[in-house]
Amino acid sequence: MRFRGIHAILILALSLVLLLLGIAGIIYLHGTALENKLKENFTIQIMLKPTASEVEISLLKHNLEATGKFSAINYIPSMKMLEELQAELGDISADKLELENIPLPSLLEATISADYLNDEVIKNLVTQIKQKDIVDEVYYPTNVLTEIEKNKNTLSTITLVVAIIILAIAVTLLSLTIRLTIYSQRFTIRTMLLVGAKKGFIQKPFLKDALFWGVLASILAILGLEVIINQLYKLIPELNGVVTQQHFIFLFIFIFIIGVVITELSTLFSVNKYIKMKTDSLFY
């Protein structure tokens, strides 16, 4: 294969398209990961009556754990809540407030497992918990789940639309570029047909070249994504660790496969076009 300027343009164009596709993937991965973290921290606060005994509280905690719908349940006695309030208020509490006279209730903080995070399940859980004799009130952020699901659906839709547009641009751009690349060899293809060469034999060298282009463009795109990810984490350190390395590896593999498949298919279609083309049409 003789490397020409049009090949460099093809590889550069494909790598840029794959880079854009990878950026869309990075945005989706971080959005999904942040959504999962919000879900993992979704808790309901169970306020207990002052008359609740330690045995009753322990029994309630055990019953809630037995449902399998909670990832963690923490008991916070009223004295601990008082200490935390004093720590937050600082010196003001000592001089101007008599916190020991404030009737702070004991409570259970129950974190719901992500698998059970939907409005219907939570409402049923809250209804069941409120029926317990030692429970005074149950609080939970009612609008958070709705907003999380809404944002997730919006993010998924936007990412999917962007990915489809990028892929459409990639296929169109590559088809035109590869067609121009093969156009200069259309008479070679016709000569091979005239001497009895099979279709597979004619396609083989072109597909081999396309494989090289796809692999090189994919590697360049992956290296570019690595730089973008590193810079992103330098600018926003809080995002570091939000997405696992395994997810990034899957993204890179996806980008690599897409790059190779697009170039191979585009080349195959272009070669077949000239194989099927009549001799008179080759001059136009």
C-alpha atoms as a PDB file:
ATOM      1  CA  MET A   1       0.000   0.000   0.000  1.00  0.00           C
ATOM      2  CA  ARG A   2       1.357   3.386  -0.973  1.00  0.00           C
ATOM      3  CA  PHE A   3       0.476   5.940   1.688  1.00  0.00           C
ATOM      4  CA  ARG A   4      -0.888   9.132   0.141  1.00  0.00           C
ATOM      5  CA  GLY A   5      -2.256  12.444   1.371  1.00  0.00           C
ATOM      6  CA  ILE A   6      -5.851  11.324   0.993  1.00  0.00           C
ATOM      7  CA  HIS A   7      -5.134   8.409   3.331  1.00  0.00           C
ATOM      8  CA  ALA A   8      -3.859  10.810   5.979  1.00  0.00           C
ATOM      9  CA  ILE A   9      -7.024  12.894   5.590  1.00  0.00           C
ATOM     10  CA  LEU A  10      -9.156   9.758   5.900  1.00  0.00           C
ATOM     11  CA  ILE A  11      -7.385   8.598   9.080  1.00  0.00           C
ATOM     12  CA  LEU A  12      -7.512  12.082  10.629  1.00  0.00           C
ATOM     13  CA  ALA A  13     -11.214  12.519   9.810  1.00  0.00           C
ATOM     14  CA  LEU A  14     -12.103   9.095  11.226  1.00  0.00           C
ATOM     15  CA  SER A  15     -10.072   9.660  14.403  1.00  0.00           C
ATOM     16  CA  LEU A  16     -11.811  13.007  15.000  1.00  0.00           C
ATOM     17  CA  VAL A  17     -15.239  11.417  14.522  1.00  0.00           C
ATOM     18  CA  LEU A  18     -14.337   8.575  16.892  1.00  0.00           C
ATOM     19  CA  LEU A  19     -13.014  11.143  19.367  1.00  0.00           C
ATOM     20  CA  LEU A  20     -16.389  12.940  19.335  1.00  0.00           C
ATOM     21  CA  LEU A  21     -18.157   9.627  19.794  1.00  0.00           C
ATOM     22  CA  GLY A  22     -15.872   8.836  22.723  1.00  0.00           C
ATOM     23  CA  ILE A  23     -16.555  12.225  24.335  1.00  0.00           C
ATOM     24  CA  ALA A  24     -20.298  11.501  24.134  1.00  0.00           C
ATOM     25  CA  GLY A  25     -19.557   8.159  25.815  1.00  0.00           C
ATOM     26  CA  ILE A  26     -17.540   9.845  28.584  1.00  0.00           C
ATOM     27  CA  ILE A  27     -20.397  12.259  29.290  1.00  0.00           C
ATOM     28  CA  TYR A  28     -22.883   9.371  29.439  1.00  0.00           C
ATOM     29  CA  LEU A  29     -20.668   7.263  31.731  1.00  0.00           C
ATOM     30  CA  HIS A  30     -20.153  10.105  34.206  1.00  0.00           C
ATOM     31  CA  GLY A  31     -23.836  11.054  34.145  1.00  0.00           C
ATOM     32  CA  THR A  32     -24.876   7.458  34.822  1.00  0.00           C
ATOM     33  CA  ALA A  33     -22.255   7.031  37.562  1.00  0.00           C
ATOM     34  CA  LEU A  34     -23.325  10.237  39.329  1.00  0.00           C
ATOM     35  CA  GLU A  35     -26.952   9.147  39.109  1.00  0.00           C
ATOM     36  CA  ASN A  36     -26.063   5.798  40.716  1.00  0.00           C
ATOM     37  CA  LYS A  37     -24.202   7.583  43.519  1.00  0.00           C
ATOM     38  CA  LEU A  38     -27.260   9.729  44.199  1.00  0.00           C
ATOM     39  CA  LYS A  39     -29.367   6.604  44.354  1.00  0.00           C
ATOM     40  CA  GLU A  40     -26.914   4.881  46.695  1.00  0.00           C
ATOM     41  CA  ASN A  41     -27.244   7.820  49.122  1.00  0.00           C
ATOM     42  CA  PHE A  42     -31.044   7.973  49.016  1.00  0.00           C
ATOM     43  CA  THR A  43     -32.189   7.663  52.650  1.00  0.00           C
ATOM     44  CA  ILE A  44     -35.411   7.910  54.571  1.00  0.00           C
ATOM     45  CA  GLN A  45     -35.454   9.260  58.121  1.00  0.00           C
ATOM     46  CA  ILE A  46     -37.635   7.397  60.604  1.00  0.00           C
ATOM     47  CA  MET A  47     -38.410   9.595  63.607  1.00  0.00           C
ATOM     48  CA  LEU A  48     -39.066   7.527  66.721  1.00  0.00           C
ATOM     49  CA  LYS A  49     -41.363   8.334  69.616  1.00  0.00           C
ATOM     50  CA  PRO A  50     -39.698   9.331  72.915  1.00  0.00           C
ATOM     51  CA  THR A  51     -41.328   6.314  74.572  1.00  0.00           C
ATOM     52  CA  ALA A  52     -39.577   3.837  72.242  1.00  0.00           C
ATOM     53  CA  SER A  53     -37.362   1.416  74.158  1.00  0.00           C
ATOM     54  CA  GLU A  54     -34.011   0.082  73.010  1.00  0.00           C
ATOM     55  CA  VAL A  55     -35.514  -3.368  72.526  1.00  0.00           C
ATOM     56  CA  GLU A  56     -38.330  -2.021  70.325  1.00  0.00           C
ATOM     57  CA  ILE A  57     -35.883   0.046  68.282  1.00  0.00           C
ATOM     58  CA  SER A  58     -33.576  -2.940  67.823  1.00  0.00           C
ATOM     59  CA  LEU A  59     -36.530  -5.097  66.745  1.00  0.00           C
ATOM     60  CA  LEU A  60     -37.704  -2.505  64.217  1.00  0.00           C
ATOM     61  CA  LYS A  61     -34.175  -2.224  62.809  1.00  0.00           C
ATOM     62  CA  HIS A  62     -33.960  -6.005  62.492  1.00  0.00           C
ATOM     63  CA  ASN A  63     -37.355  -6.206  60.732  1.00  0.00           C
ATOM     64  CA  LEU A  64     -36.344  -3.531  58.228  1.00  0.00           C
ATOM     65  CA  GLU A  65     -33.055  -5.308  57.470  1.00  0.00           C
ATOM     66  CA  ALA A  66     -34.953  -8.571  56.963  1.00  0.00           C
ATOM     67  CA  THR A  67     -36.923  -7.059  54.056  1.00  0.00           C
ATOM     68  CA  GLY A  68     -33.705  -6.939  52.009  1.00  0.00           C
ATOM     69  CA  LYS A  69     -34.676  -3.552  50.596  1.00  0.00           C
ATOM     70  CA  PHE A  70     -32.166  -1.502  52.597  1.00  0.00           C
ATOM     71  CA  SER A  71     -28.410  -1.368  52.020  1.00  0.00           C
ATOM     72  CA  ALA A  72     -27.747   0.262  55.415  1.00  0.00           C
ATOM     73  CA  ILE A  73     -29.719   1.218  58.533  1.00  0.00           C
ATOM     74  CA  ASN A  74     -28.155   3.459  61.182  1.00  0.00           C
ATOM     75  CA  TYR A  75     -29.593   4.201  64.595  1.00  0.00           C
ATOM     76  CA  ILE A  76     -28.958   7.748  65.813  1.00  0.00           C
ATOM     77  CA  PRO A  77     -29.984   8.318  69.465  1.00  0.00           C
ATOM     78  CA  SER A  78     -31.241  11.700  70.585  1.00  0.00           C
ATOM     79  CA  MET A  79     -28.040  12.437  72.557  1.00  0.00           C
ATOM     80  CA  LYS A  80     -25.908  11.967  69.458  1.00  0.00           C
ATOM     81  CA  MET A  81     -28.177  14.301  67.506  1.00  0.00           C
ATOM     82  CA  LEU A  82     -27.811  16.845  70.299  1.00  0.00           C
ATOM     83  CA  GLU A  83     -24.004  16.585  70.141  1.00  0.00           C
ATOM     84  CA  GLU A  84     -24.024  17.024  66.359  1.00  0.00           C
ATOM     85  CA  LEU A  85     -26.281  20.066  66.656  1.00  0.00           C
ATOM     86  CA  GLN A  86     -23.999  21.601  69.273  1.00  0.00           C
ATOM     87  CA  ALA A  87     -20.980  20.964  67.042  1.00  0.00           C
ATOM     88  CA  GLU A  88     -22.687  22.679  64.103  1.00  0.00           C
ATOM     89  CA  LEU A  89     -23.791  25.702  66.152  1.00  0.00           C
ATOM     90  CA  GLY A  90     -20.443  26.062  67.906  1.00  0.00           C
ATOM     91  CA  ASP A  91     -20.131  28.719  70.633  1.00  0.00           C
ATOM     92  CA  ILE A  92     -23.631  30.058  69.997  1.00  0.00           C
ATOM     93  CA  SER A  93     -25.134  26.965  71.548  1.00  0.00           C
ATOM     94  CA  ALA A  94     -23.280  27.409  74.826  1.00  0.00           C
ATOM     95  CA  ASP A  95     -24.041  31.097  75.302  1.00  0.00           C
ATOM     96  CA  LYS A  96     -27.515  31.610  73.896  1.00  0.00           C
ATOM     97  CA  LEU A  97     -29.230  28.226  73.725  1.00  0.00           C
ATOM     98  CA  GLU A  98     -30.176  25.572  76.216  1.00  0.00           C
ATOM     99  CA  LEU A  99     -30.033  22.634  73.851  1.00  0.00           C
ATOM    100  CA  GLU A 100     -30.614  20.087  76.579  1.00  0.00           C
ATOM    101  CA  ASN A 101     -34.199  21.373  76.785  1.00  0.00           C
ATOM    102  CA  ILE A 102     -34.828  20.852  73.055  1.00  0.00           C
ATOM    103  CA  PRO A 103     -36.814  17.613  72.536  1.00  0.00           C
ATOM    104  CA  LEU A 104     -34.726  15.972  69.791  1.00  0.00           C
ATOM    105  CA  PRO A 105     -36.085  12.548  68.792  1.00  0.00           C
ATOM    106  CA  SER A 106     -34.069   9.427  68.128  1.00  0.00           C
ATOM    107  CA  LEU A 107     -34.163   8.253  64.537  1.00  0.00           C
ATOM    108  CA  LEU A 108     -33.255   5.531  62.112  1.00  0.00           C
ATOM    109  CA  GLU A 109     -31.564   6.508  58.846  1.00  0.00           C
ATOM    110  CA  ALA A 110     -32.363   3.825  56.277  1.00  0.00           C
ATOM    111  CA  THR A 111     -30.580   3.796  52.919  1.00  0.00           C
ATOM    112  CA  ILE A 112     -32.691   2.063  50.274  1.00  0.00           C
ATOM    113  CA  SER A 113     -30.978  -0.352  47.878  1.00  0.00           C
ATOM    114  CA  ALA A 114     -30.744   0.956  44.311  1.00  0.00           C
ATOM    115  CA  ASP A 115     -32.780  -2.017  43.008  1.00  0.00           C
ATOM    116  CA  TYR A 116     -35.836  -0.833  44.962  1.00  0.00           C
ATOM    117  CA  LEU A 117     -35.586   2.853  44.162  1.00  0.00           C
ATOM    118  CA  ASN A 118     -38.919   3.672  42.593  1.00  0.00           C
ATOM    119  CA  ASP A 119     -41.833   5.747  43.849  1.00  0.00           C
ATOM    120  CA  GLU A 120     -44.255   2.862  44.303  1.00  0.00           C
ATOM    121  CA  VAL A 121     -41.892   0.725  46.392  1.00  0.00           C
ATOM    122  CA  ILE A 122     -40.858   3.674  48.560  1.00  0.00           C
ATOM    123  CA  LYS A 123     -44.441   4.733  49.212  1.00  0.00           C
ATOM    124  CA  ASN A 124     -45.340   1.183  50.250  1.00  0.00           C
ATOM    125  CA  LEU A 125     -42.314   1.010  52.559  1.00  0.00           C
ATOM    126  CA  VAL A 126     -43.140   4.352  54.148  1.00  0.00           C
ATOM    127  CA  THR A 127     -46.770   3.303  54.689  1.00  0.00           C
ATOM    128  CA  GLN A 128     -45.673   0.064  56.365  1.00  0.00           C
ATOM    129  CA  ILE A 129     -43.125   1.838  58.568  1.00  0.00           C
ATOM    130  CA  LYS A 130     -45.629   4.471  59.699  1.00  0.00           C
ATOM    131  CA  GLN A 131     -47.885   1.713  61.017  1.00  0.00           C
ATOM    132  CA  LYS A 132     -45.283   0.725  63.618  1.00  0.00           C
ATOM    133  CA  ASP A 133     -46.241   1.860  67.131  1.00  0.00           C
ATOM    134  CA  ILE A 134     -42.858   3.390  67.956  1.00  0.00           C
ATOM    135  CA  VAL A 135     -42.649   5.431  64.740  1.00  0.00           C
ATOM    136  CA  ASP A 136     -43.633   9.076  65.023  1.00  0.00           C
ATOM    137  CA  GLU A 137     -42.998  10.297  61.456  1.00  0.00           C
ATOM    138  CA  VAL A 138     -41.122   9.313  58.274  1.00  0.00           C
ATOM    139  CA  TYR A 139     -39.368  11.808  56.024  1.00  0.00           C
ATOM    140  CA  TYR A 140     -37.785  11.333  52.608  1.00  0.00           C
ATOM    141  CA  PRO A 141     -37.030  13.594  49.595  1.00  0.00           C
ATOM    142  CA  THR A 142     -40.144  13.047  47.510  1.00  0.00           C
ATOM    143  CA  ASN A 143     -38.999  14.840  44.336  1.00  0.00           C
ATOM    144  CA  VAL A 144     -35.444  13.528  44.140  1.00  0.00           C
ATOM    145  CA  LEU A 145     -36.289  10.243  42.434  1.00  0.00           C
ATOM    146  CA  THR A 146     -38.469  11.948  39.854  1.00  0.00           C
ATOM    147  CA  GLU A 147     -35.681  14.412  39.031  1.00  0.00           C
ATOM    148  CA  ILE A 148     -33.055  11.644  38.861  1.00  0.00           C
ATOM    149  CA  GLU A 149     -35.143   9.580  36.435  1.00  0.00           C
ATOM    150  CA  LYS A 150     -35.995  12.679  34.387  1.00  0.00           C
ATOM    151  CA  ASN A 151     -32.348  13.702  34.113  1.00  0.00           C
ATOM    152  CA  LYS A 152     -31.310  10.138  33.289  1.00  0.00           C
ATOM    153  CA  ASN A 153     -33.845   9.879  30.461  1.00  0.00           C
ATOM    154  CA  THR A 154     -32.808  13.287  29.121  1.00  0.00           C
ATOM    155  CA  LEU A 155     -29.110  12.366  29.233  1.00  0.00           C
ATOM    156  CA  SER A 156     -29.732   9.002  27.559  1.00  0.00           C
ATOM    157  CA  THR A 157     -31.809  10.595  24.795  1.00  0.00           C
ATOM    158  CA  ILE A 158     -29.290  13.371  24.108  1.00  0.00           C
ATOM    159  CA  THR A 159     -26.351  10.934  24.108  1.00  0.00           C
ATOM    160  CA  LEU A 160     -28.158   8.540  21.766  1.00  0.00           C
ATOM    161  CA  VAL A 161     -29.105  11.326  19.335  1.00  0.00           C
ATOM    162  CA  VAL A 162     -25.562  12.730  19.345  1.00  0.00           C
ATOM    163  CA  ALA A 163     -24.079   9.264  18.831  1.00  0.00           C
ATOM    164  CA  ILE A 164     -26.413   8.569  15.882  1.00  0.00           C
ATOM    165  CA  ILE A 165     -25.560  11.929  14.281  1.00  0.00           C
ATOM    166  CA  ILE A 166     -21.827  11.340  14.737  1.00  0.00           C
ATOM    167  CA  LEU A 167     -22.069   7.828  13.274  1.00  0.00           C
ATOM    168  CA  ALA A 168     -24.102   9.127  10.318  1.00  0.00           C
ATOM    169  CA  ILE A 169     -21.464  11.789   9.677  1.00  0.00           C
ATOM    170  CA  ALA A 170     -18.697   9.192  10.003  1.00  0.00           C
ATOM    171  CA  VAL A 171     -20.302   6.752   7.579  1.00  0.00           C
ATOM    172  CA  THR A 172     -21.046   9.482   5.031  1.00  0.00           C
ATOM    173  CA  LEU A 173     -17.601  11.072   5.298  1.00  0.00           C
ATOM    174  CA  LEU A 174     -15.756   7.774   5.123  1.00  0.00           C
ATOM    175  CA  SER A 175     -17.842   6.451   2.252  1.00  0.00           C
ATOM    176  CA  LEU A 176     -17.039   9.528   0.176  1.00  0.00           C
ATOM    177  CA  THR A 177     -13.345   9.543   1.102  1.00  0.00           C
ATOM    178  CA  ILE A 178     -12.871   5.811   0.563  1.00  0.00           C
ATOM    179  CA  ARG A 179     -14.780   5.993  -2.710  1.00  0.00           C
ATOM    180  CA  LEU A 180     -12.374   8.677  -3.896  1.00  0.00           C
ATOM    181  CA  THR A 181      -9.448   6.529  -2.770  1.00  0.00           C
ATOM    182  CA  ILE A 182     -10.697   3.505  -4.697  1.00  0.00           C
ATOM    183  CA  TYR A 183     -11.814   5.580  -7.698  1.00  0.00           C
ATOM    184  CA  SER A 184      -8.219   5.970  -8.850  1.00  0.00           C
ATOM    185  CA  GLN A 185      -7.908   2.174  -8.964  1.00  0.00           C
ATOM    186  CA  ARG A 186     -11.177   1.436 -10.744  1.00  0.00           C
ATOM    187  CA  PHE A 187      -9.405   0.382 -13.939  1.00  0.00           C
ATOM    188  CA  THR A 188      -7.165  -1.966 -11.948  1.00  0.00           C
ATOM    189  CA  ILE A 189     -10.307  -3.577 -10.515  1.00  0.00           C
ATOM    190  CA  ARG A 190     -11.771  -3.942 -14.030  1.00  0.00           C
ATOM    191  CA  THR A 191      -8.541  -5.498 -15.326  1.00  0.00           C
ATOM    192  CA  MET A 192      -8.541  -8.017 -12.495  1.00  0.00           C
ATOM    193  CA  LEU A 193     -12.122  -8.959 -13.352  1.00  0.00           C
ATOM    194  CA  LEU A 194     -11.244  -9.398 -17.030  1.00  0.00           C
ATOM    195  CA  VAL A 195      -8.430 -11.829 -16.231  1.00  0.00           C
ATOM    196  CA  GLY A 196     -10.831 -13.925 -14.122  1.00  0.00           C
ATOM    197  CA  ALA A 197     -10.092 -12.750 -10.561  1.00  0.00           C
ATOM    198  CA  LYS A 198     -12.747 -13.637  -8.007  1.00  0.00           C
ATOM    199  CA  LYS A 199     -14.596 -10.964  -6.041  1.00  0.00           C
ATOM    200  CA  GLY A 200     -12.970 -12.003  -2.759  1.00  0.00           C
ATOM    201  CA  PHE A 201      -9.491 -11.824  -4.287  1.00  0.00           C
ATOM    202  CA  ILE A 202     -10.159  -8.271  -5.516  1.00  0.00           C
ATOM    203  CA  GLN A 203     -11.627  -7.145  -2.195  1.00  0.00           C
ATOM    204  CA  LYS A 204      -8.805  -8.560  -0.062  1.00  0.00           C
ATOM    205  CA  PRO A 205      -6.075  -5.894  -0.574  1.00  0.00           C
ATOM    206  CA  PHE A 206      -8.574  -3.042  -0.184  1.00  0.00           C
ATOM    207  CA  LEU A 207     -10.002  -4.523   3.029  1.00  0.00           C
ATOM    208  CA  LYS A 208      -6.465  -5.037   4.326  1.00  0.00           C
ATOM    209  CA  ASP A 209      -5.685  -1.356   3.750  1.00  0.00           C
ATOM    210  CA  ALA A 210      -9.000  -0.364   5.362  1.00  0.00           C
ATOM    211  CA  LEU A 211      -8.150  -2.450   8.421  1.00  0.00           C
ATOM    212  CA  PHE A 212      -4.896  -0.521   8.809  1.00  0.00           C
ATOM    213  CA  TRP A 213      -6.720   2.817   8.474  1.00  0.00           C
ATOM    214  CA  GLY A 214      -9.361   1.819  11.002  1.00  0.00           C
ATOM    215  CA  VAL A 215      -6.864   0.508  13.559  1.00  0.00           C
ATOM    216  CA  LEU A 216      -4.631   3.580  13.286  1.00  0.00           C
ATOM    217  CA  ALA A 217      -7.567   6.024  13.519  1.00  0.00           C
ATOM    218  CA  SER A 218      -8.998   4.137  16.522  1.00  0.00           C
ATOM    219  CA  ILE A 219      -5.656   4.217  18.352  1.00  0.00           C
ATOM    220  CA  LEU A 220      -5.314   7.967  17.723  1.00  0.00           C
ATOM    221  CA  ALA A 221      -8.867   8.533  19.004  1.00  0.00           C
ATOM    222  CA  ILE A 222      -8.245   6.446  22.145  1.00  0.00           C
ATOM    223  CA  LEU A 223      -5.021   8.348  22.887  1.00  0.00           C
ATOM    224  CA  GLY A 224      -6.969  11.603  22.472  1.00  0.00           C
ATOM    225  CA  LEU A 225      -9.653  10.358  24.881  1.00  0.00           C
ATOM    226  CA  GLU A 226      -6.973   9.488  27.449  1.00  0.00           C
ATOM    227  CA  VAL A 227      -5.669  13.056  27.290  1.00  0.00           C
ATOM    228  CA  ILE A 228      -9.198  14.486  27.609  1.00  0.00           C
ATOM    229  CA  ILE A 229      -9.997  12.265  30.620  1.00  0.00           C
ATOM    230  CA  ASN A 230      -6.760  13.229  32.394  1.00  0.00           C
ATOM    231  CA  GLN A 231      -7.389  16.934  31.777  1.00  0.00           C
ATOM    232  CA  LEU A 232     -10.999  16.578  32.914  1.00  0.00           C
ATOM    233  CA  TYR A 233      -9.922  15.077  36.228  1.00  0.00           C
ATOM    234  CA  LYS A 234      -7.337  17.810  36.705  1.00  0.00           C
ATOM    235  CA  LEU A 235      -9.985  20.495  36.185  1.00  0.00           C
ATOM    236  CA  ILE A 236     -12.656  18.679  38.240  1.00  0.00           C
ATOM    237  CA  PRO A 237     -10.890  16.432  40.803  1.00  0.00           C
ATOM    238  CA  GLU A 238     -14.260  15.485  42.336  1.00  0.00           C
ATOM    239  CA  LEU A 239     -15.003  13.346  39.262  1.00  0.00           C
ATOM    240  CA  ASN A 240     -11.924  11.204  39.802  1.00  0.00           C
ATOM    241  CA  GLY A 241     -13.027   7.667  40.611  1.00  0.00           C
ATOM    242  CA  VAL A 242     -16.671   8.248  39.710  1.00  0.00           C
ATOM    243  CA  VAL A 243     -16.300   6.036  36.624  1.00  0.00           C
ATOM    244  CA  THR A 244     -14.344   2.796  37.025  1.00  0.00           C
ATOM    245  CA  GLN A 245     -11.367   1.915  34.852  1.00  0.00           C
ATOM    246  CA  GLN A 246     -13.306  -1.095  33.588  1.00  0.00           C
ATOM    247  CA  HIS A 247     -15.979   1.170  32.071  1.00  0.00           C
ATOM    248  CA  PHE A 248     -13.306   3.202  30.293  1.00  0.00           C
ATOM    249  CA  ILE A 249     -11.778  -0.005  28.912  1.00  0.00           C
ATOM    250  CA  PHE A 250     -15.185  -1.041  27.545  1.00  0.00           C
ATOM    251  CA  LEU A 251     -15.566   2.422  25.978  1.00  0.00           C
ATOM    252  CA  PHE A 252     -12.138   2.192  24.331  1.00  0.00           C
ATOM    253  CA  ILE A 253     -12.904  -1.303  22.991  1.00  0.00           C
ATOM    254  CA  PHE A 254     -16.215   0.003  21.607  1.00  0.00           C
ATOM    255  CA  ILE A 255     -14.453   2.926  19.888  1.00  0.00           C
ATOM    256  CA  PHE A 256     -11.840   0.568  18.434  1.00  0.00           C
ATOM    257  CA  ILE A 257     -14.458  -1.840  17.070  1.00  0.00           C
ATOM    258  CA  ILE A 258     -16.563   0.988  15.601  1.00  0.00           C
ATOM    259  CA  GLY A 259     -13.512   2.464  13.847  1.00  0.00           C
ATOM    260  CA  VAL A 260     -12.549  -0.856  12.258  1.00  0.00           C
ATOM    261  CA  VAL A 261     -16.102  -1.884  11.327  1.00  0.00           C
ATOM    262  CA  ILE A 262     -16.942   1.468   9.699  1.00  0.00           C
ATOM    263  CA  THR A 263     -13.828   1.479   7.516  1.00  0.00           C
ATOM    264  CA  GLU A 264     -14.218  -2.176   6.531  1.00  0.00           C
ATOM    265  CA  LEU A 265     -17.895  -1.821   5.601  1.00  0.00           C
ATOM    266  CA  SER A 266     -17.370   1.463   3.732  1.00  0.00           C
ATOM    267  CA  THR A 267     -14.494  -0.061   1.779  1.00  0.00           C
ATOM    268  CA  LEU A 268     -16.472  -3.210   1.009  1.00  0.00           C
ATOM    269  CA  PHE A 269     -19.434  -1.229  -0.344  1.00  0.00           C
ATOM    270  CA  SER A 270     -17.172   1.028  -2.439  1.00  0.00           C
ATOM    271  CA  VAL A 271     -15.195  -1.866  -3.952  1.00  0.00           C
ATOM    272  CA  ASN A 272     -18.381  -3.777  -4.755  1.00  0.00           C
ATOM    273  CA  LYS A 273     -19.742  -0.696  -6.502  1.00  0.00           C
ATOM    274  CA  TYR A 274     -16.826  -0.647  -8.949  1.00  0.00           C
ATOM    275  CA  ILE A 275     -16.900  -4.433  -9.338  1.00  0.00           C
ATOM    276  CA  LYS A 276     -20.552  -4.283 -10.440  1.00  0.00           C
ATOM    277  CA  MET A 277     -20.083  -1.138 -12.543  1.00  0.00           C
ATOM    278  CA  LYS A 278     -20.203  -1.488 -16.326  1.00  0.00           C
ATOM    279  CA  THR A 279     -17.051  -0.698 -18.269  1.00  0.00           C
ATOM    280  CA  ASP A 280     -18.529   2.367 -19.987  1.00  0.00           C
ATOM    281  CA  SER A 281     -19.444   3.917 -16.612  1.00  0.00           C
ATOM    282  CA  LEU A 282     -15.816   3.826 -15.444  1.00  0.00           C
ATOM    283  CA  PHE A 283     -14.971   6.762 -17.678  1.00  0.00           C
ATOM    284  CA  TYR A 284     -17.402   9.135 -15.951  1.00  0.00           C
END
